[in-house]
Amino acid sequence: MNGTAVGRVENYGYGQMSVKVTIASGKIVGLKVASLTTLESYSQQLEQQVVPILKSEVLQAQGTRISALSGATYTSEAYAYSIQSALDQLHFK
């Protein structure tokens, strides 16, 4: 299974986010924030710190069963939900 899909835009407490997922040989191999709108500069800085950690967790877990990061629960959930919608489009289990 190979392919790329962009998950739906998820609203969360500090803005909106969608994530582009790439699958190759039946594995999640790429995750990239496709769109990000934040309400304030602090949120933008938080995303820059949090997203790489979440990306690492998703790649390791090969799915969205990851722990929300303390202090970034809404961001973590939006990231995971957007990824899950992309995975659903790709019929990835």
PDB file of N, CA and C in Angstrom:
ATOM      1  N   MET A   1       0.840  -1.171   0.000  1.00  0.00           N
ATOM      2  CA  MET A   1       0.000   0.000   0.000  1.00  0.00           C
ATOM      3  C   MET A   1       0.888   1.237   0.000  1.00  0.00           C
ATOM      4  N   ASN A   2       0.651   2.117  -0.969  1.00  0.00           N
ATOM      5  CA  ASN A   2       1.389   3.368  -1.077  1.00  0.00           C
ATOM      6  C   ASN A   2       0.403   4.492  -1.337  1.00  0.00           C
ATOM      7  N   GLY A   3       0.744   5.683  -0.906  1.00  0.00           N
ATOM      8  CA  GLY A   3      -0.101   6.834  -1.211  1.00  0.00           C
ATOM      9  C   GLY A   3       0.123   7.975  -0.261  1.00  0.00           C
ATOM     10  N   THR A   4      -0.500   9.089  -0.613  1.00  0.00           N
ATOM     11  CA  THR A   4      -0.431  10.295   0.193  1.00  0.00           C
ATOM     12  C   THR A   4      -1.827  10.873   0.284  1.00  0.00           C
ATOM     13  N   ALA A   5      -2.178  11.376   1.460  1.00  0.00           N
ATOM     14  CA  ALA A   5      -3.474  12.031   1.641  1.00  0.00           C
ATOM     15  C   ALA A   5      -3.320  13.126   2.684  1.00  0.00           C
ATOM     16  N   VAL A   6      -4.148  14.150   2.532  1.00  0.00           N
ATOM     17  CA  VAL A   6      -4.184  15.227   3.519  1.00  0.00           C
ATOM     18  C   VAL A   6      -5.428  15.029   4.366  1.00  0.00           C
ATOM     19  N   GLY A   7      -5.224  14.971   5.667  1.00  0.00           N
ATOM     20  CA  GLY A   7      -6.340  14.816   6.591  1.00  0.00           C
ATOM     21  C   GLY A   7      -7.192  16.071   6.645  1.00  0.00           C
ATOM     22  N   ARG A   8      -8.383  15.922   7.177  1.00  0.00           N
ATOM     23  CA  ARG A   8      -9.270  17.085   7.254  1.00  0.00           C
ATOM     24  C   ARG A   8      -8.689  18.132   8.207  1.00  0.00           C
ATOM     25  N   VAL A   9      -9.103  19.358   7.998  1.00  0.00           N
ATOM     26  CA  VAL A   9      -8.675  20.459   8.861  1.00  0.00           C
ATOM     27  C   VAL A   9      -9.400  20.307  10.193  1.00  0.00           C
ATOM     28  N   GLU A  10      -8.631  20.254  11.260  1.00  0.00           N
ATOM     29  CA  GLU A  10      -9.185  20.099  12.603  1.00  0.00           C
ATOM     30  C   GLU A  10      -9.088  21.423  13.348  1.00  0.00           C
ATOM     31  N   ASN A  11     -10.205  21.844  13.921  1.00  0.00           N
ATOM     32  CA  ASN A  11     -10.216  23.020  14.782  1.00  0.00           C
ATOM     33  C   ASN A  11      -9.805  22.592  16.181  1.00  0.00           C
ATOM     34  N   TYR A  12      -9.015  23.410  16.824  1.00  0.00           N
ATOM     35  CA  TYR A  12      -8.664  23.144  18.219  1.00  0.00           C
ATOM     36  C   TYR A  12      -8.571  24.479  18.940  1.00  0.00           C
ATOM     37  N   GLY A  13      -8.281  24.467  20.191  1.00  0.00           N
ATOM     38  CA  GLY A  13      -8.350  25.673  21.017  1.00  0.00           C
ATOM     39  C   GLY A  13      -7.550  26.854  20.522  1.00  0.00           C
ATOM     40  N   TYR A  14      -6.545  26.627  19.715  1.00  0.00           N
ATOM     41  CA  TYR A  14      -5.640  27.708  19.339  1.00  0.00           C
ATOM     42  C   TYR A  14      -5.567  27.945  17.841  1.00  0.00           C
ATOM     43  N   GLY A  15      -6.407  27.291  17.063  1.00  0.00           N
ATOM     44  CA  GLY A  15      -6.367  27.487  15.622  1.00  0.00           C
ATOM     45  C   GLY A  15      -6.896  26.284  14.874  1.00  0.00           C
ATOM     46  N   GLN A  16      -6.316  26.050  13.692  1.00  0.00           N
ATOM     47  CA  GLN A  16      -6.704  24.931  12.844  1.00  0.00           C
ATOM     48  C   GLN A  16      -5.455  24.278  12.280  1.00  0.00           C
ATOM     49  N   MET A  17      -5.564  22.977  12.026  1.00  0.00           N
ATOM     50  CA  MET A  17      -4.417  22.232  11.518  1.00  0.00           C
ATOM     51  C   MET A  17      -4.892  21.079  10.656  1.00  0.00           C
ATOM     52  N   SER A  18      -4.123  20.779   9.608  1.00  0.00           N
ATOM     53  CA  SER A  18      -4.313  19.531   8.860  1.00  0.00           C
ATOM     54  C   SER A  18      -2.936  18.940   8.607  1.00  0.00           C
ATOM     55  N   VAL A  19      -2.912  17.620   8.462  1.00  0.00           N
ATOM     56  CA  VAL A  19      -1.643  16.904   8.328  1.00  0.00           C
ATOM     57  C   VAL A  19      -1.668  16.041   7.068  1.00  0.00           C
ATOM     58  N   LYS A  20      -0.574  16.091   6.313  1.00  0.00           N
ATOM     59  CA  LYS A  20      -0.389  15.270   5.121  1.00  0.00           C
ATOM     60  C   LYS A  20       0.359  14.012   5.536  1.00  0.00           C
ATOM     61  N   VAL A  21      -0.160  12.862   5.148  1.00  0.00           N
ATOM     62  CA  VAL A  21       0.417  11.571   5.523  1.00  0.00           C
ATOM     63  C   VAL A  21       0.868  10.835   4.259  1.00  0.00           C
ATOM     64  N   THR A  22       2.053  10.252   4.341  1.00  0.00           N
ATOM     65  CA  THR A  22       2.561   9.450   3.231  1.00  0.00           C
ATOM     66  C   THR A  22       2.775   8.019   3.709  1.00  0.00           C
ATOM     67  N   ILE A  23       2.247   7.081   2.922  1.00  0.00           N
ATOM     68  CA  ILE A  23       2.363   5.649   3.203  1.00  0.00           C
ATOM     69  C   ILE A  23       3.213   5.027   2.097  1.00  0.00           C
ATOM     70  N   ALA A  24       4.166   4.190   2.480  1.00  0.00           N
ATOM     71  CA  ALA A  24       4.955   3.435   1.501  1.00  0.00           C
ATOM     72  C   ALA A  24       5.176   2.041   2.055  1.00  0.00           C
ATOM     73  N   SER A  25       4.984   1.044   1.216  1.00  0.00           N
ATOM     74  CA  SER A  25       5.146  -0.363   1.617  1.00  0.00           C
ATOM     75  C   SER A  25       4.363  -0.689   2.886  1.00  0.00           C
ATOM     76  N   GLY A  26       3.161  -0.126   2.993  1.00  0.00           N
ATOM     77  CA  GLY A  26       2.293  -0.431   4.121  1.00  0.00           C
ATOM     78  C   GLY A  26       2.703   0.194   5.434  1.00  0.00           C
ATOM     79  N   LYS A  27       3.580   1.201   5.410  1.00  0.00           N
ATOM     80  CA  LYS A  27       4.017   1.873   6.638  1.00  0.00           C
ATOM     81  C   LYS A  27       3.864   3.374   6.496  1.00  0.00           C
ATOM     82  N   ILE A  28       3.613   4.030   7.613  1.00  0.00           N
ATOM     83  CA  ILE A  28       3.598   5.491   7.631  1.00  0.00           C
ATOM     84  C   ILE A  28       5.052   5.942   7.562  1.00  0.00           C
ATOM     85  N   VAL A  29       5.401   6.657   6.507  1.00  0.00           N
ATOM     86  CA  VAL A  29       6.793   7.080   6.326  1.00  0.00           C
ATOM     87  C   VAL A  29       6.959   8.595   6.336  1.00  0.00           C
ATOM     88  N   GLY A  30       5.863   9.321   6.215  1.00  0.00           N
ATOM     89  CA  GLY A  30       5.982  10.771   6.194  1.00  0.00           C
ATOM     90  C   GLY A  30       4.782  11.452   6.798  1.00  0.00           C
ATOM     91  N   LEU A  31       5.039  12.491   7.570  1.00  0.00           N
ATOM     92  CA  LEU A  31       3.997  13.318   8.164  1.00  0.00           C
ATOM     93  C   LEU A  31       4.446  14.763   8.040  1.00  0.00           C
ATOM     94  N   LYS A  32       3.560  15.594   7.512  1.00  0.00           N
ATOM     95  CA  LYS A  32       3.903  17.000   7.352  1.00  0.00           C
ATOM     96  C   LYS A  32       2.662  17.826   7.620  1.00  0.00           C
ATOM     97  N   VAL A  33       2.794  18.886   8.379  1.00  0.00           N
ATOM     98  CA  VAL A  33       1.656  19.766   8.611  1.00  0.00           C
ATOM     99  C   VAL A  33       1.341  20.442   7.279  1.00  0.00           C
ATOM    100  N   ALA A  34       0.148  20.167   6.759  1.00  0.00           N
ATOM    101  CA  ALA A  34      -0.248  20.703   5.455  1.00  0.00           C
ATOM    102  C   ALA A  34      -0.778  22.121   5.587  1.00  0.00           C
ATOM    103  N   SER A  35      -1.494  22.391   6.673  1.00  0.00           N
ATOM    104  CA  SER A  35      -1.976  23.741   6.929  1.00  0.00           C
ATOM    105  C   SER A  35      -2.023  23.969   8.425  1.00  0.00           C
ATOM    106  N   LEU A  36      -1.691  25.183   8.800  1.00  0.00           N
ATOM    107  CA  LEU A  36      -1.686  25.542  10.220  1.00  0.00           C
ATOM    108  C   LEU A  36      -2.057  27.008  10.335  1.00  0.00           C
ATOM    109  N   THR A  37      -3.093  27.276  11.088  1.00  0.00           N
ATOM    110  CA  THR A  37      -3.499  28.638  11.383  1.00  0.00           C
ATOM    111  C   THR A  37      -3.573  28.750  12.893  1.00  0.00           C
ATOM    112  N   THR A  38      -2.788  29.641  13.469  1.00  0.00           N
ATOM    113  CA  THR A  38      -2.828  29.828  14.914  1.00  0.00           C
ATOM    114  C   THR A  38      -3.325  31.230  15.231  1.00  0.00           C
ATOM    115  N   LEU A  39      -3.892  31.372  16.403  1.00  0.00           N
ATOM    116  CA  LEU A  39      -4.489  32.636  16.790  1.00  0.00           C
ATOM    117  C   LEU A  39      -3.478  33.624  17.361  1.00  0.00           C
ATOM    118  N   GLU A  40      -2.335  33.136  17.772  1.00  0.00           N
ATOM    119  CA  GLU A  40      -1.351  34.017  18.401  1.00  0.00           C
ATOM    120  C   GLU A  40       0.043  33.453  18.204  1.00  0.00           C
ATOM    121  N   SER A  41       1.052  34.273  18.392  1.00  0.00           N
ATOM    122  CA  SER A  41       2.430  33.833  18.156  1.00  0.00           C
ATOM    123  C   SER A  41       2.855  32.751  19.151  1.00  0.00           C
ATOM    124  N   TYR A  42       2.342  32.794  20.386  1.00  0.00           N
ATOM    125  CA  TYR A  42       2.695  31.756  21.359  1.00  0.00           C
ATOM    126  C   TYR A  42       2.290  30.379  20.832  1.00  0.00           C
ATOM    127  N   SER A  43       1.099  30.296  20.243  1.00  0.00           N
ATOM    128  CA  SER A  43       0.618  29.024  19.702  1.00  0.00           C
ATOM    129  C   SER A  43       1.524  28.549  18.576  1.00  0.00           C
ATOM    130  N   GLN A  44       1.989  29.478  17.753  1.00  0.00           N
ATOM    131  CA  GLN A  44       2.891  29.132  16.653  1.00  0.00           C
ATOM    132  C   GLN A  44       4.179  28.526  17.209  1.00  0.00           C
ATOM    133  N   GLN A  45       4.720  29.116  18.270  1.00  0.00           N
ATOM    134  CA  GLN A  45       5.945  28.597  18.890  1.00  0.00           C
ATOM    135  C   GLN A  45       5.696  27.219  19.486  1.00  0.00           C
ATOM    136  N   LEU A  46       4.552  27.038  20.116  1.00  0.00           N
ATOM    137  CA  LEU A  46       4.199  25.749  20.714  1.00  0.00           C
ATOM    138  C   LEU A  46       4.152  24.669  19.642  1.00  0.00           C
ATOM    139  N   GLU A  47       3.536  24.982  18.502  1.00  0.00           N
ATOM    140  CA  GLU A  47       3.447  24.001  17.413  1.00  0.00           C
ATOM    141  C   GLU A  47       4.840  23.574  16.969  1.00  0.00           C
ATOM    142  N   GLN A  48       5.751  24.530  16.893  1.00  0.00           N
ATOM    143  CA  GLN A  48       7.107  24.218  16.430  1.00  0.00           C
ATOM    144  C   GLN A  48       7.816  23.273  17.392  1.00  0.00           C
ATOM    145  N   GLN A  49       7.448  23.300  18.654  1.00  0.00           N
ATOM    146  CA  GLN A  49       8.049  22.396  19.635  1.00  0.00           C
ATOM    147  C   GLN A  49       7.316  21.059  19.697  1.00  0.00           C
ATOM    148  N   VAL A  50       5.998  21.111  19.600  1.00  0.00           N
ATOM    149  CA  VAL A  50       5.164  19.932  19.833  1.00  0.00           C
ATOM    150  C   VAL A  50       5.074  19.003  18.620  1.00  0.00           C
ATOM    151  N   VAL A  51       4.915  19.572  17.430  1.00  0.00           N
ATOM    152  CA  VAL A  51       4.681  18.753  16.237  1.00  0.00           C
ATOM    153  C   VAL A  51       5.809  17.745  15.983  1.00  0.00           C
ATOM    154  N   PRO A  52       7.093  18.131  16.104  1.00  0.00           N
ATOM    155  CA  PRO A  52       8.135  17.110  15.881  1.00  0.00           C
ATOM    156  C   PRO A  52       8.050  15.928  16.854  1.00  0.00           C
ATOM    157  N   ILE A  53       7.656  16.188  18.081  1.00  0.00           N
ATOM    158  CA  ILE A  53       7.515  15.113  19.071  1.00  0.00           C
ATOM    159  C   ILE A  53       6.349  14.206  18.680  1.00  0.00           C
ATOM    160  N   LEU A  54       5.229  14.814  18.325  1.00  0.00           N
ATOM    161  CA  LEU A  54       4.060  14.032  17.910  1.00  0.00           C
ATOM    162  C   LEU A  54       4.371  13.212  16.664  1.00  0.00           C
ATOM    163  N   LYS A  55       5.073  13.822  15.714  1.00  0.00           N
ATOM    164  CA  LYS A  55       5.452  13.116  14.483  1.00  0.00           C
ATOM    165  C   LYS A  55       6.256  11.873  14.817  1.00  0.00           C
ATOM    166  N   SER A  56       7.218  12.026  15.703  1.00  0.00           N
ATOM    167  CA  SER A  56       8.055  10.901  16.104  1.00  0.00           C
ATOM    168  C   SER A  56       7.214   9.791  16.731  1.00  0.00           C
ATOM    169  N   GLU A  57       6.268  10.171  17.580  1.00  0.00           N
ATOM    170  CA  GLU A  57       5.416   9.177  18.239  1.00  0.00           C
ATOM    171  C   GLU A  57       4.547   8.427  17.236  1.00  0.00           C
ATOM    172  N   VAL A  58       3.969   9.148  16.280  1.00  0.00           N
ATOM    173  CA  VAL A  58       3.107   8.504  15.280  1.00  0.00           C
ATOM    174  C   VAL A  58       3.927   7.546  14.412  1.00  0.00           C
ATOM    175  N   LEU A  59       5.113   7.976  14.001  1.00  0.00           N
ATOM    176  CA  LEU A  59       5.962   7.107  13.186  1.00  0.00           C
ATOM    177  C   LEU A  59       6.367   5.854  13.953  1.00  0.00           C
ATOM    178  N   GLN A  60       6.649   6.015  15.228  1.00  0.00           N
ATOM    179  CA  GLN A  60       7.027   4.858  16.044  1.00  0.00           C
ATOM    180  C   GLN A  60       5.839   3.927  16.264  1.00  0.00           C
ATOM    181  N   ALA A  61       4.658   4.502  16.535  1.00  0.00           N
ATOM    182  CA  ALA A  61       3.461   3.698  16.809  1.00  0.00           C
ATOM    183  C   ALA A  61       2.822   3.165  15.530  1.00  0.00           C
ATOM    184  N   GLN A  62       3.179   3.788  14.371  1.00  0.00           N
ATOM    185  CA  GLN A  62       2.558   3.442  13.090  1.00  0.00           C
ATOM    186  C   GLN A  62       1.035   3.588  13.173  1.00  0.00           C
ATOM    187  N   GLY A  63       0.605   4.632  13.838  1.00  0.00           N
ATOM    188  CA  GLY A  63      -0.813   4.926  13.962  1.00  0.00           C
ATOM    189  C   GLY A  63      -1.013   6.091  14.912  1.00  0.00           C
ATOM    190  N   THR A  64      -2.261   6.366  15.217  1.00  0.00           N
ATOM    191  CA  THR A  64      -2.580   7.536  16.030  1.00  0.00           C
ATOM    192  C   THR A  64      -2.823   7.219  17.500  1.00  0.00           C
ATOM    193  N   ARG A  65      -2.485   6.028  17.921  1.00  0.00           N
ATOM    194  CA  ARG A  65      -2.608   5.697  19.349  1.00  0.00           C
ATOM    195  C   ARG A  65      -1.369   6.214  20.080  1.00  0.00           C
ATOM    196  N   ILE A  66      -1.387   7.526  20.307  1.00  0.00           N
ATOM    197  CA  ILE A  66      -0.264   8.192  20.956  1.00  0.00           C
ATOM    198  C   ILE A  66      -0.780   8.924  22.180  1.00  0.00           C
ATOM    199  N   SER A  67       0.112   9.247  23.077  1.00  0.00           N
ATOM    200  CA  SER A  67      -0.257  10.002  24.266  1.00  0.00           C
ATOM    201  C   SER A  67      -0.244  11.486  23.951  1.00  0.00           C
ATOM    202  N   ALA A  68      -1.252  12.185  24.446  1.00  0.00           N
ATOM    203  CA  ALA A  68      -1.252  13.641  24.303  1.00  0.00           C
ATOM    204  C   ALA A  68      -0.108  14.201  25.133  1.00  0.00           C
ATOM    205  N   LEU A  69       0.525  15.228  24.610  1.00  0.00           N
ATOM    206  CA  LEU A  69       1.623  15.847  25.342  1.00  0.00           C
ATOM    207  C   LEU A  69       1.068  16.791  26.384  1.00  0.00           C
ATOM    208  N   SER A  70       1.601  16.736  27.569  1.00  0.00           N
ATOM    209  CA  SER A  70       1.178  17.615  28.644  1.00  0.00           C
ATOM    210  C   SER A  70       1.346  19.065  28.212  1.00  0.00           C
ATOM    211  N   GLY A  71       0.316  19.856  28.393  1.00  0.00           N
ATOM    212  CA  GLY A  71       0.359  21.255  28.000  1.00  0.00           C
ATOM    213  C   GLY A  71       0.005  21.477  26.542  1.00  0.00           C
ATOM    214  N   ALA A  72      -0.198  20.393  25.802  1.00  0.00           N
ATOM    215  CA  ALA A  72      -0.527  20.516  24.380  1.00  0.00           C
ATOM    216  C   ALA A  72      -1.597  19.504  23.986  1.00  0.00           C
ATOM    217  N   THR A  73      -2.549  19.301  24.872  1.00  0.00           N
ATOM    218  CA  THR A  73      -3.577  18.289  24.642  1.00  0.00           C
ATOM    219  C   THR A  73      -4.388  18.578  23.388  1.00  0.00           C
ATOM    220  N   TYR A  74      -4.855  19.809  23.215  1.00  0.00           N
ATOM    221  CA  TYR A  74      -5.679  20.149  22.055  1.00  0.00           C
ATOM    222  C   TYR A  74      -4.896  19.979  20.761  1.00  0.00           C
ATOM    223  N   THR A  75      -3.651  20.421  20.783  1.00  0.00           N
ATOM    224  CA  THR A  75      -2.799  20.288  19.606  1.00  0.00           C
ATOM    225  C   THR A  75      -2.589  18.815  19.283  1.00  0.00           C
ATOM    226  N   SER A  76      -2.298  18.013  20.311  1.00  0.00           N
ATOM    227  CA  SER A  76      -2.078  16.582  20.119  1.00  0.00           C
ATOM    228  C   SER A  76      -3.301  15.918  19.504  1.00  0.00           C
ATOM    229  N   GLU A  77      -4.483  16.262  20.018  1.00  0.00           N
ATOM    230  CA  GLU A  77      -5.713  15.656  19.515  1.00  0.00           C
ATOM    231  C   GLU A  77      -5.981  16.075  18.079  1.00  0.00           C
ATOM    232  N   ALA A  78      -5.811  17.361  17.762  1.00  0.00           N
ATOM    233  CA  ALA A  78      -6.048  17.831  16.394  1.00  0.00           C
ATOM    234  C   ALA A  78      -5.099  17.140  15.430  1.00  0.00           C
ATOM    235  N   TYR A  79      -3.846  16.996  15.823  1.00  0.00           N
ATOM    236  CA  TYR A  79      -2.837  16.340  14.991  1.00  0.00           C
ATOM    237  C   TYR A  79      -3.244  14.894  14.719  1.00  0.00           C
ATOM    238  N   ALA A  80      -3.605  14.179  15.777  1.00  0.00           N
ATOM    239  CA  ALA A  80      -3.984  12.768  15.634  1.00  0.00           C
ATOM    240  C   ALA A  80      -5.266  12.609  14.816  1.00  0.00           C
ATOM    241  N   TYR A  81      -6.256  13.462  15.040  1.00  0.00           N
ATOM    242  CA  TYR A  81      -7.524  13.346  14.299  1.00  0.00           C
ATOM    243  C   TYR A  81      -7.311  13.599  12.810  1.00  0.00           C
ATOM    244  N   SER A  82      -6.491  14.604  12.486  1.00  0.00           N
ATOM    245  CA  SER A  82      -6.237  14.891  11.077  1.00  0.00           C
ATOM    246  C   SER A  82      -5.497  13.722  10.420  1.00  0.00           C
ATOM    247  N   ILE A  83      -4.515  13.183  11.118  1.00  0.00           N
ATOM    248  CA  ILE A  83      -3.788  12.025  10.588  1.00  0.00           C
ATOM    249  C   ILE A  83      -4.736  10.854  10.388  1.00  0.00           C
ATOM    250  N   GLN A  84      -5.607  10.608  11.361  1.00  0.00           N
ATOM    251  CA  GLN A  84      -6.526   9.472  11.247  1.00  0.00           C
ATOM    252  C   GLN A  84      -7.433   9.630  10.043  1.00  0.00           C
ATOM    253  N   SER A  85      -7.893  10.854   9.764  1.00  0.00           N
ATOM    254  CA  SER A  85      -8.768  11.027   8.595  1.00  0.00           C
ATOM    255  C   SER A  85      -7.996  10.766   7.301  1.00  0.00           C
ATOM    256  N   ALA A  86      -6.704  11.128   7.264  1.00  0.00           N
ATOM    257  CA  ALA A  86      -5.878  10.818   6.090  1.00  0.00           C
ATOM    258  C   ALA A  86      -5.672   9.313   5.968  1.00  0.00           C
ATOM    259  N   LEU A  87      -5.407   8.654   7.087  1.00  0.00           N
ATOM    260  CA  LEU A  87      -5.222   7.199   7.071  1.00  0.00           C
ATOM    261  C   LEU A  87      -6.495   6.497   6.594  1.00  0.00           C
ATOM    262  N   ASP A  88      -7.654   7.019   7.015  1.00  0.00           N
ATOM    263  CA  ASP A  88      -8.921   6.444   6.581  1.00  0.00           C
ATOM    264  C   ASP A  88      -9.072   6.572   5.063  1.00  0.00           C
ATOM    265  N   GLN A  89      -8.679   7.731   4.524  1.00  0.00           N
ATOM    266  CA  GLN A  89      -8.747   7.926   3.062  1.00  0.00           C
ATOM    267  C   GLN A  89      -7.875   6.910   2.335  1.00  0.00           C
ATOM    268  N   LEU A  90      -6.747   6.560   2.951  1.00  0.00           N
ATOM    269  CA  LEU A  90      -5.793   5.629   2.345  1.00  0.00           C
ATOM    270  C   LEU A  90      -6.111   4.172   2.671  1.00  0.00           C
ATOM    271  N   HIS A  91      -7.177   3.953   3.458  1.00  0.00           N
ATOM    272  CA  HIS A  91      -7.577   2.610   3.887  1.00  0.00           C
ATOM    273  C   HIS A  91      -6.436   1.915   4.646  1.00  0.00           C
ATOM    274  N   PHE A  92      -5.739   2.699   5.461  1.00  0.00           N
ATOM    275  CA  PHE A  92      -4.624   2.190   6.259  1.00  0.00           C
ATOM    276  C   PHE A  92      -5.149   1.715   7.590  1.00  0.00           C
ATOM    277  N   LYS A  93      -4.792   0.496   7.963  1.00  0.00           N
ATOM    278  CA  LYS A  93      -5.248  -0.064   9.251  1.00  0.00           C
ATOM    279  C   LYS A  93      -4.153   0.015  10.269  1.00  0.00           C
TER     280      LYS A  93
END
